[in-house]
Amino acid sequence: VTVHGLALASLSNSQMRGCNCMQVLLKCVKESGPFTHVLAPASTWGKSIIPRAAALMDSAPVTDVTSIIDDTTFQRPIYAGNAITTVQVKPSENSSIFMTVRPTSFDAAPKVWHM
């Protein structure tokens, strides 16, 4: 996780387009992996990167996840948010699960102070 944060944070604002970040993400996943899951926020930026990266890794993305039931089962809204569906992903042997999550659907992580 730290490798992804450092790699993406090293890009300048002019380089933060989806295609540039996607290439950095894929490089990290391929060189530092294998990873079981690759997550991004369900923002314009995350929705631009995750589908592209998933397609290049021969995987289908799961978008707008609002609840995680287990490693391969997630809930997401459908019909403009009027219904919730449960999605179960069957990842291939060498592929990660790519997904965008709605950050407001989860509790905040506890703060960790480093000295």
Protein backbone atom coordinates (compact mmCIF):
# COMPACT_ATOMS: atom_id res chain seq x y z
CA VAL A 1 0.00 0.00 0.00
CA THR A 2 2.81 2.41 0.82
CA VAL A 3 4.39 1.79 -2.59
CA HIS A 4 1.15 2.77 -4.36
CA GLY A 5 0.76 5.90 -2.21
CA LEU A 6 4.32 7.04 -2.82
CA ALA A 7 4.20 6.28 -6.55
CA LEU A 8 0.95 8.13 -7.14
CA ALA A 9 1.90 11.01 -4.86
CA SER A 10 5.11 11.54 -6.86
CA LEU A 11 3.14 12.65 -9.93
CA SER A 12 2.69 16.37 -10.45
CA ASN A 13 -0.80 17.87 -10.82
CA SER A 14 -0.40 18.04 -14.60
CA GLN A 15 0.40 14.30 -14.65
CA MET A 16 -2.58 13.24 -12.52
CA ARG A 17 -4.67 12.30 -15.55
CA GLY A 18 -6.21 8.84 -15.48
CA CYS A 19 -3.92 7.33 -18.10
CA ASN A 20 -0.73 8.41 -16.30
CA CYS A 21 -1.89 7.21 -12.89
CA MET A 22 -3.19 3.97 -14.34
CA GLN A 23 0.23 3.17 -15.80
CA VAL A 24 1.89 3.80 -12.41
CA LEU A 25 -0.74 1.69 -10.65
CA LEU A 26 -0.31 -1.21 -13.07
CA LYS A 27 3.46 -1.06 -12.71
CA CYS A 28 3.12 -1.26 -8.92
CA VAL A 29 0.61 -4.12 -9.11
CA LYS A 30 2.76 -6.12 -11.53
CA GLU A 31 6.12 -5.50 -9.82
CA SER A 32 5.09 -5.52 -6.16
CA GLY A 33 2.19 -7.97 -6.33
CA PRO A 34 0.38 -10.17 -6.56
CA PHE A 35 -2.38 -8.33 -4.72
CA THR A 36 -5.79 -9.81 -4.01
CA HIS A 37 -7.61 -6.45 -4.16
CA VAL A 38 -6.89 -3.03 -5.69
CA LEU A 39 -9.15 -0.25 -4.41
CA ALA A 40 -9.77 3.39 -5.29
CA PRO A 41 -12.36 5.88 -4.06
CA ALA A 42 -15.56 6.08 -6.10
CA SER A 43 -14.62 9.53 -7.34
CA THR A 44 -14.17 10.78 -10.88
CA TRP A 45 -10.47 10.02 -10.57
CA GLY A 46 -10.99 6.46 -9.23
CA LYS A 47 -13.70 5.67 -11.76
CA SER A 48 -11.32 6.74 -14.51
CA ILE A 49 -8.40 4.56 -13.37
CA ILE A 50 -9.91 1.32 -12.04
CA PRO A 51 -11.86 0.19 -15.16
CA ARG A 52 -8.87 0.84 -17.41
CA ALA A 53 -6.45 -0.97 -15.10
CA ALA A 54 -8.85 -3.88 -14.63
CA ALA A 55 -9.29 -4.29 -18.38
CA LEU A 56 -5.53 -4.39 -18.93
CA MET A 57 -5.21 -7.01 -16.17
CA ASP A 58 -8.05 -9.09 -17.72
CA SER A 59 -10.38 -8.47 -14.77
CA ALA A 60 -13.84 -6.91 -14.39
CA PRO A 61 -14.13 -3.98 -11.96
CA VAL A 62 -16.70 -3.78 -9.19
CA THR A 63 -17.87 -0.17 -8.83
CA ASP A 64 -19.44 1.89 -6.04
CA VAL A 65 -19.03 -0.74 -3.31
CA THR A 66 -20.93 0.26 -0.16
CA SER A 67 -20.41 -2.88 1.91
CA ILE A 68 -17.85 -5.67 2.03
CA ILE A 69 -19.31 -9.02 3.09
CA ASP A 70 -16.22 -11.20 2.56
CA ASP A 71 -13.16 -11.38 0.29
CA THR A 72 -15.20 -11.87 -2.87
CA THR A 73 -18.72 -10.64 -1.97
CA PHE A 74 -19.70 -6.98 -2.04
CA GLN A 75 -22.83 -4.83 -2.02
CA ARG A 76 -23.43 -1.93 -4.37
CA PRO A 77 -26.38 0.28 -5.31
CA ILE A 78 -28.36 -0.18 -8.53
CA TYR A 79 -31.33 1.65 -10.10
CA ALA A 80 -30.03 5.10 -9.15
CA GLY A 81 -29.50 3.98 -5.57
CA ASN A 82 -33.06 2.73 -5.08
CA ALA A 83 -31.95 -0.89 -4.58
CA ILE A 84 -28.88 -2.69 -3.27
CA THR A 85 -27.46 -5.75 -5.00
CA THR A 86 -24.95 -8.29 -3.78
CA VAL A 87 -22.12 -9.06 -6.19
CA GLN A 88 -19.87 -12.09 -5.88
CA VAL A 89 -16.61 -12.00 -7.82
CA LYS A 90 -14.77 -15.11 -8.92
CA PRO A 91 -11.24 -13.86 -9.57
CA SER A 92 -8.91 -15.78 -11.83
CA GLU A 93 -5.78 -17.30 -10.38
CA ASN A 94 -3.37 -14.51 -11.31
CA SER A 95 -5.77 -11.55 -11.26
CA SER A 96 -6.61 -8.99 -8.60
CA ILE A 97 -10.11 -7.75 -7.78
CA PHE A 98 -10.30 -4.12 -8.90
CA MET A 99 -12.99 -2.00 -7.22
CA THR A 100 -14.10 1.50 -6.37
CA VAL A 101 -15.60 2.09 -2.94
CA ARG A 102 -17.80 4.84 -1.60
CA PRO A 103 -15.73 6.22 1.29
CA THR A 104 -18.75 7.65 3.12
CA SER A 105 -20.20 4.14 3.45
CA PHE A 106 -17.43 3.06 5.84
CA ASP A 107 -16.33 4.21 9.29
CA ALA A 108 -13.19 6.31 9.42
CA ALA A 109 -9.99 4.46 10.20
CA PRO A 110 -8.50 5.17 13.62
CA LYS A 111 -5.81 7.82 13.62
CA VAL A 112 -2.29 6.55 14.06
CA TRP A 113 0.29 9.00 15.30
CA HIS A 114 3.90 8.57 14.23
CA MET A 115 6.73 10.29 16.05
